[in-house]
Each structure stands twice: as structure tokens, then as C-alpha cells.
Amino acid sequence: MRVVTDITSYVLSVGLNGMKGQIIKVEATVRNDKEQCVIIGLPDTSIKESKERILNCLHALGQDIDMKKITIHLSPADVKKQGTSYDAAMLLAVLQAMSKNPVPISDKTCIIAALTLDGHLTTFHSMIPTIHQAILLGFKQIYLPPLNYLYLHKQQILN
């Protein structure tokens, strides 16, 4: 009989449904099994591509993912999710699930950032409205990529 030990963790993120924000629970389970990474919960194509960014980041961080099945669930499952804004939340949920001593993360904290292949946080389309909605949803800490003047100017935040 094979014993499977699943380690599950979650972090929170924010998605946009039109211009209205919605809390997205990003859950990750990592178990010993055939090597695979699956993202479920009605992801669009850009989120399905996140799998490659996450695996590259895990490799760059020196994480052993040989013979590991990584399942990432974006909840609520019946709401379509789109864009790269969940990348960092998915990576953090996986890292937490892989950790022997995960860092406690408050439910008043959300993670909204895209990832580069080498693990840097980066901006994404509709980031400013997503930050605004995260504030309206009551998040007290929002982790996001470093912003620079050119990005804010391009988004017409600064004149």
C-alpha cells in the first residue's frame, strides 16, 4: 500500500471581474508522485502558462521538484480567472507547501504580481485597478512588484 502525504497551503490574491475585485484563494498541494504541475479552477491560457514560470522559478531557487506532483487550485472554482497577476501567489503557495516550516501569512495579506522566468516580480496588465480593489476588499498588506516612475507615468498615475 502506497502512502501519500499531501502538504497543502494557501495564500490570497485578488482578481478582477470587470472592474470589481474578488478574493481568490490560491491553494497548492505538493506530493510525491509522477512529476507534474497542474493549475485548476477555470484558468485562462496565460494562467496555464504560469506553470512554466513557476517551475523555472522553483528550479532557480534550488527547490527539488523531481518526482513531485504540484497541484494549484484557484478558488472559487466556478469563476473564470485571467492574467498573470496570480503568478507570485501561486509560487508562494507552492513554496509554503514544500516548506517544513511555512511562514504564517495573514488573511489580511494578498499577493499580486507576475513573474519573470528567473523569479523576479514584475508588473501586469490592470495592476493599478487590482491594487485599488485589494484595498477596497480590506487587505492590510499587499505584496506587489517594485514600481518605477515610467510604469506609473505610462499608466497615467503621474503627470
C-alpha atoms as a PDB file:
ATOM      1  CA  MET A   1       0.000   0.000   0.000  1.00  0.00           C
ATOM      2  CA  ARG A   2       1.405   3.379  -1.036  1.00  0.00           C
ATOM      3  CA  VAL A   3       1.187   6.198   1.492  1.00  0.00           C
ATOM      4  CA  VAL A   4       0.718   9.658   0.014  1.00  0.00           C
ATOM      5  CA  THR A   5       1.353  12.654   2.208  1.00  0.00           C
ATOM      6  CA  ASP A   6      -0.190  15.802   0.843  1.00  0.00           C
ATOM      7  CA  ILE A   7       1.008  19.129   2.124  1.00  0.00           C
ATOM      8  CA  THR A   8      -1.466  21.908   1.358  1.00  0.00           C
ATOM      9  CA  SER A   9      -1.064  25.635   1.832  1.00  0.00           C
ATOM     10  CA  TYR A  10      -2.809  28.734   0.601  1.00  0.00           C
ATOM     11  CA  VAL A  11      -2.310  32.450   0.089  1.00  0.00           C
ATOM     12  CA  LEU A  12      -4.785  35.069  -1.046  1.00  0.00           C
ATOM     13  CA  SER A  13      -4.786  37.162  -4.180  1.00  0.00           C
ATOM     14  CA  VAL A  14      -7.242  39.454  -5.961  1.00  0.00           C
ATOM     15  CA  GLY A  15      -8.801  39.030  -9.377  1.00  0.00           C
ATOM     16  CA  LEU A  16     -10.914  41.386 -11.423  1.00  0.00           C
ATOM     17  CA  ASN A  17     -14.355  40.539 -12.735  1.00  0.00           C
ATOM     18  CA  GLY A  18     -14.854  43.531 -14.987  1.00  0.00           C
ATOM     19  CA  MET A  19     -13.713  46.318 -12.676  1.00  0.00           C
ATOM     20  CA  LYS A  20     -14.963  44.636  -9.491  1.00  0.00           C
ATOM     21  CA  GLY A  21     -12.433  42.839  -7.311  1.00  0.00           C
ATOM     22  CA  GLN A  22     -12.800  39.326  -5.971  1.00  0.00           C
ATOM     23  CA  ILE A  23     -10.710  37.492  -3.403  1.00  0.00           C
ATOM     24  CA  ILE A  24      -9.018  34.461  -4.945  1.00  0.00           C
ATOM     25  CA  LYS A  25      -7.728  31.723  -2.658  1.00  0.00           C
ATOM     26  CA  VAL A  26      -4.614  30.173  -4.199  1.00  0.00           C
ATOM     27  CA  GLU A  27      -4.112  26.680  -2.789  1.00  0.00           C
ATOM     28  CA  ALA A  28      -1.172  24.402  -3.509  1.00  0.00           C
ATOM     29  CA  THR A  29      -0.603  20.743  -2.788  1.00  0.00           C
ATOM     30  CA  VAL A  30       2.756  19.074  -3.278  1.00  0.00           C
ATOM     31  CA  ARG A  31       3.107  15.329  -3.029  1.00  0.00           C
ATOM     32  CA  ASN A  32       5.479  12.576  -4.042  1.00  0.00           C
ATOM     33  CA  ASP A  33       4.159  11.230  -7.323  1.00  0.00           C
ATOM     34  CA  LYS A  34       4.805  11.365 -11.047  1.00  0.00           C
ATOM     35  CA  GLU A  35       6.425  14.726 -11.825  1.00  0.00           C
ATOM     36  CA  GLN A  36       3.689  17.110 -12.910  1.00  0.00           C
ATOM     37  CA  CYS A  37       2.314  20.623 -12.326  1.00  0.00           C
ATOM     38  CA  VAL A  38      -1.400  21.277 -12.794  1.00  0.00           C
ATOM     39  CA  ILE A  39      -3.364  24.510 -12.368  1.00  0.00           C
ATOM     40  CA  ILE A  40      -7.135  24.135 -11.853  1.00  0.00           C
ATOM     41  CA  GLY A  41     -10.031  26.487 -11.134  1.00  0.00           C
ATOM     42  CA  LEU A  42     -11.026  27.865 -14.577  1.00  0.00           C
ATOM     43  CA  PRO A  43      -7.668  29.407 -15.552  1.00  0.00           C
ATOM     44  CA  ASP A  44      -7.239  31.136 -18.898  1.00  0.00           C
ATOM     45  CA  THR A  45      -4.299  30.452 -21.240  1.00  0.00           C
ATOM     46  CA  SER A  46      -1.971  32.993 -19.588  1.00  0.00           C
ATOM     47  CA  ILE A  47      -2.526  31.316 -16.202  1.00  0.00           C
ATOM     48  CA  LYS A  48      -1.911  27.878 -17.698  1.00  0.00           C
ATOM     49  CA  GLU A  49       1.410  29.277 -18.976  1.00  0.00           C
ATOM     50  CA  SER A  50       2.215  30.316 -15.387  1.00  0.00           C
ATOM     51  CA  LYS A  51       3.107  26.687 -14.804  1.00  0.00           C
ATOM     52  CA  GLU A  52       6.339  27.150 -16.778  1.00  0.00           C
ATOM     53  CA  ARG A  53       7.234  30.375 -14.957  1.00  0.00           C
ATOM     54  CA  ILE A  54       6.606  28.715 -11.580  1.00  0.00           C
ATOM     55  CA  LEU A  55       8.661  25.618 -12.438  1.00  0.00           C
ATOM     56  CA  ASN A  56      11.527  27.808 -13.704  1.00  0.00           C
ATOM     57  CA  CYS A  57      11.420  29.868 -10.503  1.00  0.00           C
ATOM     58  CA  LEU A  58      11.428  26.734  -8.328  1.00  0.00           C
ATOM     59  CA  HIS A  59      14.450  25.474 -10.279  1.00  0.00           C
ATOM     60  CA  ALA A  60      16.204  28.864  -9.941  1.00  0.00           C
ATOM     61  CA  LEU A  61      15.590  28.736  -6.174  1.00  0.00           C
ATOM     62  CA  GLY A  62      17.195  25.313  -5.992  1.00  0.00           C
ATOM     63  CA  GLN A  63      13.984  23.517  -4.993  1.00  0.00           C
ATOM     64  CA  ASP A  64      13.900  19.774  -5.641  1.00  0.00           C
ATOM     65  CA  ILE A  65      10.818  19.101  -7.744  1.00  0.00           C
ATOM     66  CA  ASP A  66      11.866  15.696  -9.052  1.00  0.00           C
ATOM     67  CA  MET A  67       9.046  13.186  -8.623  1.00  0.00           C
ATOM     68  CA  LYS A  68       6.718  15.827  -7.187  1.00  0.00           C
ATOM     69  CA  LYS A  69       3.154  16.450  -8.291  1.00  0.00           C
ATOM     70  CA  ILE A  70       2.203  20.088  -7.775  1.00  0.00           C
ATOM     71  CA  THR A  71      -1.484  20.932  -7.906  1.00  0.00           C
ATOM     72  CA  ILE A  72      -2.535  24.583  -7.748  1.00  0.00           C
ATOM     73  CA  HIS A  73      -6.194  25.417  -7.247  1.00  0.00           C
ATOM     74  CA  LEU A  74      -7.639  28.897  -7.825  1.00  0.00           C
ATOM     75  CA  SER A  75     -10.814  29.285  -5.800  1.00  0.00           C
ATOM     76  CA  PRO A  76     -13.701  29.925  -6.232  1.00  0.00           C
ATOM     77  CA  ALA A  77     -13.518  27.236  -8.880  1.00  0.00           C
ATOM     78  CA  ASP A  78     -16.600  28.390 -10.793  1.00  0.00           C
ATOM     79  CA  VAL A  79     -15.240  31.881 -11.609  1.00  0.00           C
ATOM     80  CA  LYS A  80     -13.004  32.359 -14.674  1.00  0.00           C
ATOM     81  CA  LYS A  81      -9.554  33.728 -13.846  1.00  0.00           C
ATOM     82  CA  GLN A  82      -7.363  35.568 -16.298  1.00  0.00           C
ATOM     83  CA  GLY A  83      -3.994  37.245 -16.465  1.00  0.00           C
ATOM     84  CA  THR A  84      -0.605  36.824 -14.862  1.00  0.00           C
ATOM     85  CA  SER A  85      -1.407  38.590 -11.577  1.00  0.00           C
ATOM     86  CA  TYR A  86      -1.649  35.245  -9.721  1.00  0.00           C
ATOM     87  CA  ASP A  87       1.899  34.098 -10.613  1.00  0.00           C
ATOM     88  CA  ALA A  88       3.601  35.192  -7.389  1.00  0.00           C
ATOM     89  CA  ALA A  89       0.732  33.925  -5.218  1.00  0.00           C
ATOM     90  CA  MET A  90       0.915  30.522  -6.905  1.00  0.00           C
ATOM     91  CA  LEU A  91       4.701  30.355  -6.429  1.00  0.00           C
ATOM     92  CA  LEU A  92       4.438  31.361  -2.766  1.00  0.00           C
ATOM     93  CA  ALA A  93       1.677  28.804  -2.105  1.00  0.00           C
ATOM     94  CA  VAL A  94       3.866  26.075  -3.641  1.00  0.00           C
ATOM     95  CA  LEU A  95       6.924  27.172  -1.641  1.00  0.00           C
ATOM     96  CA  GLN A  96       4.823  27.180   1.544  1.00  0.00           C
ATOM     97  CA  ALA A  97       3.539  23.671   0.758  1.00  0.00           C
ATOM     98  CA  MET A  98       7.115  22.460   0.191  1.00  0.00           C
ATOM     99  CA  SER A  99       8.461  24.053   3.371  1.00  0.00           C
ATOM    100  CA  LYS A 100       8.927  22.133   6.602  1.00  0.00           C
ATOM    101  CA  ASN A 101       8.316  25.386   8.495  1.00  0.00           C
ATOM    102  CA  PRO A 102       5.970  27.574   6.419  1.00  0.00           C
ATOM    103  CA  VAL A 103       5.812  31.240   7.302  1.00  0.00           C
ATOM    104  CA  PRO A 104       2.384  32.260   8.638  1.00  0.00           C
ATOM    105  CA  ILE A 105       0.648  34.663   6.267  1.00  0.00           C
ATOM    106  CA  SER A 106      -2.354  36.636   7.497  1.00  0.00           C
ATOM    107  CA  ASP A 107      -5.698  36.519   5.691  1.00  0.00           C
ATOM    108  CA  LYS A 108      -5.373  40.326   5.526  1.00  0.00           C
ATOM    109  CA  THR A 109      -2.380  39.902   3.191  1.00  0.00           C
ATOM    110  CA  CYS A 110      -2.632  39.443  -0.565  1.00  0.00           C
ATOM    111  CA  ILE A 111      -0.050  38.736  -3.231  1.00  0.00           C
ATOM    112  CA  ILE A 112      -0.482  40.291  -6.677  1.00  0.00           C
ATOM    113  CA  ALA A 113       2.435  40.133  -9.116  1.00  0.00           C
ATOM    114  CA  ALA A 114       3.524  38.421 -12.296  1.00  0.00           C
ATOM    115  CA  LEU A 115       6.825  36.528 -12.502  1.00  0.00           C
ATOM    116  CA  THR A 116       9.740  36.510 -14.881  1.00  0.00           C
ATOM    117  CA  LEU A 117      11.433  33.202 -15.693  1.00  0.00           C
ATOM    118  CA  ASP A 118      14.248  33.931 -13.245  1.00  0.00           C
ATOM    119  CA  GLY A 119      11.903  34.671 -10.345  1.00  0.00           C
ATOM    120  CA  HIS A 120      11.667  38.447 -10.352  1.00  0.00           C
ATOM    121  CA  LEU A 121       8.323  40.053  -9.608  1.00  0.00           C
ATOM    122  CA  THR A 122       7.007  42.145 -12.464  1.00  0.00           C
ATOM    123  CA  THR A 123       4.020  44.296 -13.351  1.00  0.00           C
ATOM    124  CA  PHE A 124       0.979  43.068 -15.269  1.00  0.00           C
ATOM    125  CA  HIS A 125      -1.936  44.464 -17.262  1.00  0.00           C
ATOM    126  CA  SER A 126      -4.594  46.077 -14.983  1.00  0.00           C
ATOM    127  CA  MET A 127      -2.301  46.151 -11.950  1.00  0.00           C
ATOM    128  CA  ILE A 128      -3.424  49.570 -10.669  1.00  0.00           C
ATOM    129  CA  PRO A 129      -7.170  48.654 -10.644  1.00  0.00           C
ATOM    130  CA  THR A 130      -6.283  45.344  -8.960  1.00  0.00           C
ATOM    131  CA  ILE A 131      -4.399  47.174  -6.189  1.00  0.00           C
ATOM    132  CA  HIS A 132      -7.353  49.534  -5.764  1.00  0.00           C
ATOM    133  CA  GLN A 133      -9.781  46.619  -5.459  1.00  0.00           C
ATOM    134  CA  ALA A 134      -7.483  44.851  -2.957  1.00  0.00           C
ATOM    135  CA  ILE A 135      -7.664  47.940  -0.745  1.00  0.00           C
ATOM    136  CA  LEU A 136     -11.461  48.064  -1.091  1.00  0.00           C
ATOM    137  CA  LEU A 137     -11.651  44.353  -0.166  1.00  0.00           C
ATOM    138  CA  GLY A 138      -9.941  45.178   3.132  1.00  0.00           C
ATOM    139  CA  PHE A 139      -6.415  43.840   2.647  1.00  0.00           C
ATOM    140  CA  LYS A 140      -3.948  45.485   5.054  1.00  0.00           C
ATOM    141  CA  GLN A 141      -0.776  44.194   3.355  1.00  0.00           C
ATOM    142  CA  ILE A 142      -0.382  43.932  -0.400  1.00  0.00           C
ATOM    143  CA  TYR A 143       2.763  42.387  -1.848  1.00  0.00           C
ATOM    144  CA  LEU A 144       3.455  43.592  -5.380  1.00  0.00           C
ATOM    145  CA  PRO A 145       6.339  44.118  -7.778  1.00  0.00           C
ATOM    146  CA  PRO A 146       8.574  47.167  -7.446  1.00  0.00           C
ATOM    147  CA  LEU A 147       7.065  50.078  -9.335  1.00  0.00           C
ATOM    148  CA  ASN A 148       9.017  52.720 -11.126  1.00  0.00           C
ATOM    149  CA  TYR A 149       8.199  56.174 -12.388  1.00  0.00           C
ATOM    150  CA  LEU A 150       7.984  55.098 -16.051  1.00  0.00           C
ATOM    151  CA  TYR A 151       5.372  52.429 -15.273  1.00  0.00           C
ATOM    152  CA  LEU A 152       3.247  54.855 -13.232  1.00  0.00           C
ATOM    153  CA  HIS A 153       3.591  57.521 -15.908  1.00  0.00           C
ATOM    154  CA  LYS A 154       2.567  55.040 -18.613  1.00  0.00           C
ATOM    155  CA  GLN A 155      -0.496  54.130 -16.504  1.00  0.00           C
ATOM    156  CA  GLN A 156      -1.279  57.887 -16.273  1.00  0.00           C
ATOM    157  CA  ILE A 157      -0.976  57.889 -12.480  1.00  0.00           C
ATOM    158  CA  LEU A 158       1.711  60.590 -12.577  1.00  0.00           C
ATOM    159  CA  ASN A 159       1.727  63.562 -14.937  1.00  0.00           C
END
